[in-house]
Amino acid sequence: SGVAAGLRAWDGDGVVRLLDSDPVAGAQLLERLDAGRPLSAEPDGTVVLGVLAGLMARLSAVPAPQGVRRLADIA
């Protein structure tokens, strides 16, 4: 799927790491995430925007896999 291809391309840099996938079953095995520090808990909007801008820059710097839309085209 496009989601699995994107996660593979980003390889855990700013996103959850894809450990394995089964395209026939539509299943994905993802790494465990630490939900202890949600960005929504940050009271300073400037900090939140800085984190989001940095994340978008990191993600959009990775070329889109063949057949997958670029992040910049859908953001």
PDB file of N, CA and C in Angstrom:
ATOM      1  N   SER A   1       0.839  -1.194   0.000  1.00  0.00           N
ATOM      2  CA  SER A   1       0.000   0.000   0.000  1.00  0.00           C
ATOM      3  C   SER A   1       0.874   1.244   0.000  1.00  0.00           C
ATOM      4  N   GLY A   2       0.275   2.379  -0.308  1.00  0.00           N
ATOM      5  CA  GLY A   2       1.005   3.638  -0.267  1.00  0.00           C
ATOM      6  C   GLY A   2       1.474   3.985   1.125  1.00  0.00           C
ATOM      7  N   VAL A   3       0.680   3.650   2.123  1.00  0.00           N
ATOM      8  CA  VAL A   3       1.072   3.929   3.507  1.00  0.00           C
ATOM      9  C   VAL A   3       2.321   3.135   3.864  1.00  0.00           C
ATOM     10  N   ALA A   4       2.329   1.863   3.570  1.00  0.00           N
ATOM     11  CA  ALA A   4       3.489   1.025   3.880  1.00  0.00           C
ATOM     12  C   ALA A   4       4.721   1.507   3.121  1.00  0.00           C
ATOM     13  N   ALA A   5       4.559   1.883   1.861  1.00  0.00           N
ATOM     14  CA  ALA A   5       5.694   2.368   1.066  1.00  0.00           C
ATOM     15  C   ALA A   5       6.254   3.656   1.654  1.00  0.00           C
ATOM     16  N   GLY A   6       5.374   4.552   2.074  1.00  0.00           N
ATOM     17  CA  GLY A   6       5.823   5.793   2.700  1.00  0.00           C
ATOM     18  C   GLY A   6       6.546   5.542   4.008  1.00  0.00           C
ATOM     19  N   LEU A   7       5.982   4.682   4.841  1.00  0.00           N
ATOM     20  CA  LEU A   7       6.628   4.370   6.119  1.00  0.00           C
ATOM     21  C   LEU A   7       7.991   3.724   5.906  1.00  0.00           C
ATOM     22  N   ARG A   8       8.100   2.866   4.890  1.00  0.00           N
ATOM     23  CA  ARG A   8       9.400   2.253   4.573  1.00  0.00           C
ATOM     24  C   ARG A   8      10.409   3.317   4.138  1.00  0.00           C
ATOM     25  N   ALA A   9       9.967   4.254   3.310  1.00  0.00           N
ATOM     26  CA  ALA A   9      10.859   5.304   2.805  1.00  0.00           C
ATOM     27  C   ALA A   9      11.347   6.200   3.937  1.00  0.00           C
ATOM     28  N   TRP A  10      10.464   6.560   4.870  1.00  0.00           N
ATOM     29  CA  TRP A  10      10.860   7.421   5.983  1.00  0.00           C
ATOM     30  C   TRP A  10      11.680   6.659   7.018  1.00  0.00           C
ATOM     31  N   ASP A  11      11.514   5.364   7.085  1.00  0.00           N
ATOM     32  CA  ASP A  11      12.315   4.486   7.944  1.00  0.00           C
ATOM     33  C   ASP A  11      12.424   4.964   9.391  1.00  0.00           C
ATOM     34  N   GLY A  12      11.305   5.394   9.952  1.00  0.00           N
ATOM     35  CA  GLY A  12      11.285   5.773  11.360  1.00  0.00           C
ATOM     36  C   GLY A  12      11.775   7.183  11.644  1.00  0.00           C
ATOM     37  N   ASP A  13      12.138   7.950  10.627  1.00  0.00           N
ATOM     38  CA  ASP A  13      12.632   9.314  10.830  1.00  0.00           C
ATOM     39  C   ASP A  13      11.457  10.285  10.862  1.00  0.00           C
ATOM     40  N   GLY A  14      10.916  10.512  12.041  1.00  0.00           N
ATOM     41  CA  GLY A  14       9.782  11.416  12.203  1.00  0.00           C
ATOM     42  C   GLY A  14       8.440  10.721  12.190  1.00  0.00           C
ATOM     43  N   VAL A  15       8.433   9.439  11.901  1.00  0.00           N
ATOM     44  CA  VAL A  15       7.201   8.646  11.864  1.00  0.00           C
ATOM     45  C   VAL A  15       7.463   7.298  12.519  1.00  0.00           C
ATOM     46  N   VAL A  16       6.387   6.592  12.784  1.00  0.00           N
ATOM     47  CA  VAL A  16       6.511   5.245  13.337  1.00  0.00           C
ATOM     48  C   VAL A  16       7.254   4.354  12.333  1.00  0.00           C
ATOM     49  N   ARG A  17       8.099   3.460  12.829  1.00  0.00           N
ATOM     50  CA  ARG A  17       8.860   2.552  11.960  1.00  0.00           C
ATOM     51  C   ARG A  17       7.994   1.344  11.603  1.00  0.00           C
ATOM     52  N   LEU A  18       7.961   1.029  10.318  1.00  0.00           N
ATOM     53  CA  LEU A  18       7.255  -0.151   9.827  1.00  0.00           C
ATOM     54  C   LEU A  18       8.181  -1.349   9.972  1.00  0.00           C
ATOM     55  N   LEU A  19       7.781  -2.327  10.759  1.00  0.00           N
ATOM     56  CA  LEU A  19       8.599  -3.517  10.978  1.00  0.00           C
ATOM     57  C   LEU A  19       8.319  -4.589   9.937  1.00  0.00           C
ATOM     58  N   ASP A  20       7.064  -4.719   9.539  1.00  0.00           N
ATOM     59  CA  ASP A  20       6.688  -5.727   8.547  1.00  0.00           C
ATOM     60  C   ASP A  20       5.301  -5.373   8.027  1.00  0.00           C
ATOM     61  N   SER A  21       4.985  -5.878   6.849  1.00  0.00           N
ATOM     62  CA  SER A  21       3.639  -5.655   6.320  1.00  0.00           C
ATOM     63  C   SER A  21       3.233  -6.822   5.439  1.00  0.00           C
ATOM     64  N   ASP A  22       1.933  -7.008   5.342  1.00  0.00           N
ATOM     65  CA  ASP A  22       1.356  -8.029   4.474  1.00  0.00           C
ATOM     66  C   ASP A  22       0.322  -7.325   3.604  1.00  0.00           C
ATOM     67  N   PRO A  23       0.708  -6.969   2.370  1.00  0.00           N
ATOM     68  CA  PRO A  23      -0.222  -6.227   1.525  1.00  0.00           C
ATOM     69  C   PRO A  23      -1.493  -6.999   1.181  1.00  0.00           C
ATOM     70  N   VAL A  24      -1.418  -8.312   1.123  1.00  0.00           N
ATOM     71  CA  VAL A  24      -2.605  -9.116   0.808  1.00  0.00           C
ATOM     72  C   VAL A  24      -3.630  -9.001   1.933  1.00  0.00           C
ATOM     73  N   ALA A  25      -3.160  -9.108   3.168  1.00  0.00           N
ATOM     74  CA  ALA A  25      -4.056  -9.014   4.326  1.00  0.00           C
ATOM     75  C   ALA A  25      -4.329  -7.566   4.724  1.00  0.00           C
ATOM     76  N   GLY A  26      -3.529  -6.630   4.194  1.00  0.00           N
ATOM     77  CA  GLY A  26      -3.682  -5.232   4.584  1.00  0.00           C
ATOM     78  C   GLY A  26      -3.210  -4.980   6.002  1.00  0.00           C
ATOM     79  N   ALA A  27      -2.263  -5.800   6.466  1.00  0.00           N
ATOM     80  CA  ALA A  27      -1.781  -5.693   7.849  1.00  0.00           C
ATOM     81  C   ALA A  27      -0.401  -5.042   7.889  1.00  0.00           C
ATOM     82  N   GLN A  28      -0.168  -4.287   8.956  1.00  0.00           N
ATOM     83  CA  GLN A  28       1.131  -3.658   9.167  1.00  0.00           C
ATOM     84  C   GLN A  28       1.549  -3.867  10.611  1.00  0.00           C
ATOM     85  N   LEU A  29       2.802  -4.242  10.796  1.00  0.00           N
ATOM     86  CA  LEU A  29       3.374  -4.368  12.132  1.00  0.00           C
ATOM     87  C   LEU A  29       4.242  -3.143  12.354  1.00  0.00           C
ATOM     88  N   LEU A  30       3.867  -2.325  13.346  1.00  0.00           N
ATOM     89  CA  LEU A  30       4.554  -1.070  13.616  1.00  0.00           C
ATOM     90  C   LEU A  30       5.296  -1.145  14.936  1.00  0.00           C
ATOM     91  N   GLU A  31       6.368  -0.340  15.043  1.00  0.00           N
ATOM     92  CA  GLU A  31       7.095  -0.284  16.304  1.00  0.00           C
ATOM     93  C   GLU A  31       6.195   0.312  17.387  1.00  0.00           C
ATOM     94  N   ARG A  32       6.519   0.027  18.622  1.00  0.00           N
ATOM     95  CA  ARG A  32       5.764   0.583  19.745  1.00  0.00           C
ATOM     96  C   ARG A  32       6.150   2.050  19.923  1.00  0.00           C
ATOM     97  N   LEU A  33       5.162   2.892  20.166  1.00  0.00           N
ATOM     98  CA  LEU A  33       5.406   4.317  20.365  1.00  0.00           C
ATOM     99  C   LEU A  33       5.203   4.696  21.818  1.00  0.00           C
ATOM    100  N   ASP A  34       5.892   5.741  22.234  1.00  0.00           N
ATOM    101  CA  ASP A  34       5.734   6.287  23.578  1.00  0.00           C
ATOM    102  C   ASP A  34       4.746   7.442  23.492  1.00  0.00           C
ATOM    103  N   ALA A  35       3.572   7.247  24.022  1.00  0.00           N
ATOM    104  CA  ALA A  35       2.543   8.287  23.971  1.00  0.00           C
ATOM    105  C   ALA A  35       2.585   9.177  25.205  1.00  0.00           C
ATOM    106  N   GLY A  36       3.683   9.157  25.925  1.00  0.00           N
ATOM    107  CA  GLY A  36       3.796   9.910  27.167  1.00  0.00           C
ATOM    108  C   GLY A  36       3.952  11.409  26.993  1.00  0.00           C
ATOM    109  N   ARG A  37       4.279  11.875  25.776  1.00  0.00           N
ATOM    110  CA  ARG A  37       4.485  13.306  25.554  1.00  0.00           C
ATOM    111  C   ARG A  37       3.736  13.769  24.305  1.00  0.00           C
ATOM    112  N   PRO A  38       2.421  13.836  24.362  1.00  0.00           N
ATOM    113  CA  PRO A  38       1.680  14.272  23.172  1.00  0.00           C
ATOM    114  C   PRO A  38       1.915  15.760  22.889  1.00  0.00           C
ATOM    115  N   LEU A  39       2.046  16.096  21.621  1.00  0.00           N
ATOM    116  CA  LEU A  39       2.247  17.490  21.229  1.00  0.00           C
ATOM    117  C   LEU A  39       1.045  18.339  21.634  1.00  0.00           C
ATOM    118  N   SER A  40      -0.117  17.730  21.699  1.00  0.00           N
ATOM    119  CA  SER A  40      -1.328  18.465  22.087  1.00  0.00           C
ATOM    120  C   SER A  40      -1.263  18.968  23.527  1.00  0.00           C
ATOM    121  N   ALA A  41      -0.355  18.423  24.332  1.00  0.00           N
ATOM    122  CA  ALA A  41      -0.215  18.871  25.720  1.00  0.00           C
ATOM    123  C   ALA A  41       0.697  20.093  25.844  1.00  0.00           C
ATOM    124  N   GLU A  42       1.364  20.473  24.763  1.00  0.00           N
ATOM    125  CA  GLU A  42       2.264  21.634  24.792  1.00  0.00           C
ATOM    126  C   GLU A  42       1.433  22.916  24.786  1.00  0.00           C
ATOM    127  N   PRO A  43       1.573  23.756  25.821  1.00  0.00           N
ATOM    128  CA  PRO A  43       0.758  24.969  25.898  1.00  0.00           C
ATOM    129  C   PRO A  43       1.236  26.102  24.981  1.00  0.00           C
ATOM    130  N   ASP A  44       2.487  26.063  24.559  1.00  0.00           N
ATOM    131  CA  ASP A  44       3.056  27.144  23.755  1.00  0.00           C
ATOM    132  C   ASP A  44       2.870  26.849  22.262  1.00  0.00           C
ATOM    133  N   GLY A  45       1.980  27.592  21.632  1.00  0.00           N
ATOM    134  CA  GLY A  45       1.692  27.394  20.217  1.00  0.00           C
ATOM    135  C   GLY A  45       2.907  27.577  19.323  1.00  0.00           C
ATOM    136  N   THR A  46       3.835  28.435  19.720  1.00  0.00           N
ATOM    137  CA  THR A  46       5.050  28.641  18.934  1.00  0.00           C
ATOM    138  C   THR A  46       5.897  27.381  18.921  1.00  0.00           C
ATOM    139  N   VAL A  47       5.972  26.703  20.046  1.00  0.00           N
ATOM    140  CA  VAL A  47       6.714  25.443  20.132  1.00  0.00           C
ATOM    141  C   VAL A  47       6.055  24.396  19.237  1.00  0.00           C
ATOM    142  N   VAL A  48       4.741  24.308  19.304  1.00  0.00           N
ATOM    143  CA  VAL A  48       3.997  23.338  18.490  1.00  0.00           C
ATOM    144  C   VAL A  48       4.250  23.587  17.005  1.00  0.00           C
ATOM    145  N   LEU A  49       4.149  24.839  16.569  1.00  0.00           N
ATOM    146  CA  LEU A  49       4.383  25.158  15.158  1.00  0.00           C
ATOM    147  C   LEU A  49       5.813  24.832  14.737  1.00  0.00           C
ATOM    148  N   GLY A  50       6.767  25.086  15.622  1.00  0.00           N
ATOM    149  CA  GLY A  50       8.160  24.757  15.321  1.00  0.00           C
ATOM    150  C   GLY A  50       8.364  23.264  15.134  1.00  0.00           C
ATOM    151  N   VAL A  51       7.748  22.476  16.002  1.00  0.00           N
ATOM    152  CA  VAL A  51       7.856  21.015  15.896  1.00  0.00           C
ATOM    153  C   VAL A  51       7.213  20.535  14.598  1.00  0.00           C
ATOM    154  N   LEU A  52       6.022  21.032  14.297  1.00  0.00           N
ATOM    155  CA  LEU A  52       5.321  20.614  13.080  1.00  0.00           C
ATOM    156  C   LEU A  52       6.070  21.042  11.818  1.00  0.00           C
ATOM    157  N   ALA A  53       6.608  22.251  11.811  1.00  0.00           N
ATOM    158  CA  ALA A  53       7.369  22.721  10.644  1.00  0.00           C
ATOM    159  C   ALA A  53       8.620  21.872  10.442  1.00  0.00           C
ATOM    160  N   GLY A  54       9.303  21.549  11.523  1.00  0.00           N
ATOM    161  CA  GLY A  54      10.488  20.696  11.422  1.00  0.00           C
ATOM    162  C   GLY A  54      10.147  19.308  10.919  1.00  0.00           C
ATOM    163  N   LEU A  55       9.040  18.775  11.403  1.00  0.00           N
ATOM    164  CA  LEU A  55       8.605  17.446  10.972  1.00  0.00           C
ATOM    165  C   LEU A  55       8.251  17.443   9.486  1.00  0.00           C
ATOM    166  N   MET A  56       7.511  18.448   9.040  1.00  0.00           N
ATOM    167  CA  MET A  56       7.158  18.528   7.618  1.00  0.00           C
ATOM    168  C   MET A  56       8.409  18.644   6.750  1.00  0.00           C
ATOM    169  N   ALA A  57       9.393  19.400   7.191  1.00  0.00           N
ATOM    170  CA  ALA A  57      10.639  19.538   6.424  1.00  0.00           C
ATOM    171  C   ALA A  57      11.357  18.198   6.321  1.00  0.00           C
ATOM    172  N   ARG A  58      11.439  17.471   7.435  1.00  0.00           N
ATOM    173  CA  ARG A  58      12.108  16.161   7.424  1.00  0.00           C
ATOM    174  C   ARG A  58      11.386  15.174   6.521  1.00  0.00           C
ATOM    175  N   LEU A  59      10.064  15.115   6.642  1.00  0.00           N
ATOM    176  CA  LEU A  59       9.300  14.147   5.863  1.00  0.00           C
ATOM    177  C   LEU A  59       9.322  14.475   4.374  1.00  0.00           C
ATOM    178  N   SER A  60       9.202  15.747   4.030  1.00  0.00           N
ATOM    179  CA  SER A  60       9.156  16.115   2.614  1.00  0.00           C
ATOM    180  C   SER A  60      10.528  16.051   1.952  1.00  0.00           C
ATOM    181  N   ALA A  61      11.603  15.936   2.727  1.00  0.00           N
ATOM    182  CA  ALA A  61      12.953  15.820   2.165  1.00  0.00           C
ATOM    183  C   ALA A  61      13.219  14.428   1.598  1.00  0.00           C
ATOM    184  N   VAL A  62      12.412  13.453   1.988  1.00  0.00           N
ATOM    185  CA  VAL A  62      12.589  12.072   1.512  1.00  0.00           C
ATOM    186  C   VAL A  62      11.804  11.905   0.213  1.00  0.00           C
ATOM    187  N   PRO A  63      12.462  11.457  -0.860  1.00  0.00           N
ATOM    188  CA  PRO A  63      11.741  11.270  -2.128  1.00  0.00           C
ATOM    189  C   PRO A  63      10.601  10.258  -1.981  1.00  0.00           C
ATOM    190  N   ALA A  64       9.501  10.553  -2.645  1.00  0.00           N
ATOM    191  CA  ALA A  64       8.352   9.639  -2.608  1.00  0.00           C
ATOM    192  C   ALA A  64       8.685   8.361  -3.368  1.00  0.00           C
ATOM    193  N   PRO A  65       8.302   7.217  -2.821  1.00  0.00           N
ATOM    194  CA  PRO A  65       8.499   5.959  -3.548  1.00  0.00           C
ATOM    195  C   PRO A  65       7.689   5.954  -4.847  1.00  0.00           C
ATOM    196  N   GLN A  66       8.111   5.145  -5.782  1.00  0.00           N
ATOM    197  CA  GLN A  66       7.413   5.011  -7.068  1.00  0.00           C
ATOM    198  C   GLN A  66       5.930   4.712  -6.838  1.00  0.00           C
ATOM    199  N   GLY A  67       5.064   5.479  -7.471  1.00  0.00           N
ATOM    200  CA  GLY A  67       3.632   5.245  -7.378  1.00  0.00           C
ATOM    201  C   GLY A  67       2.954   5.881  -6.179  1.00  0.00           C
ATOM    202  N   VAL A  68       3.694   6.620  -5.362  1.00  0.00           N
ATOM    203  CA  VAL A  68       3.130   7.261  -4.171  1.00  0.00           C
ATOM    204  C   VAL A  68       3.211   8.777  -4.355  1.00  0.00           C
ATOM    205  N   ARG A  69       2.127   9.479  -4.048  1.00  0.00           N
ATOM    206  CA  ARG A  69       2.126  10.943  -4.170  1.00  0.00           C
ATOM    207  C   ARG A  69       3.110  11.562  -3.189  1.00  0.00           C
ATOM    208  N   ARG A  70       3.745  12.642  -3.624  1.00  0.00           N
ATOM    209  CA  ARG A  70       4.664  13.359  -2.748  1.00  0.00           C
ATOM    210  C   ARG A  70       3.875  14.051  -1.635  1.00  0.00           C
ATOM    211  N   LEU A  71       4.462  14.134  -0.460  1.00  0.00           N
ATOM    212  CA  LEU A  71       3.816  14.786   0.672  1.00  0.00           C
ATOM    213  C   LEU A  71       3.500  16.242   0.337  1.00  0.00           C
ATOM    214  N   ALA A  72       4.403  16.917  -0.365  1.00  0.00           N
ATOM    215  CA  ALA A  72       4.192  18.319  -0.723  1.00  0.00           C
ATOM    216  C   ALA A  72       2.972  18.502  -1.625  1.00  0.00           C
ATOM    217  N   ASP A  73       2.605  17.482  -2.377  1.00  0.00           N
ATOM    218  CA  ASP A  73       1.454  17.581  -3.274  1.00  0.00           C
ATOM    219  C   ASP A  73       0.119  17.443  -2.551  1.00  0.00           C
ATOM    220  N   ILE A  74       0.138  16.881  -1.354  1.00  0.00           N
ATOM    221  CA  ILE A  74      -1.125  16.665  -0.637  1.00  0.00           C
ATOM    222  C   ILE A  74      -1.229  17.483   0.637  1.00  0.00           C
ATOM    223  N   ALA A  75      -0.148  18.144   1.034  1.00  0.00           N
ATOM    224  CA  ALA A  75      -0.158  18.928   2.283  1.00  0.00           C
ATOM    225  C   ALA A  75      -0.646  20.339   2.032  1.00  0.00           C
TER     226      ALA A  75
END
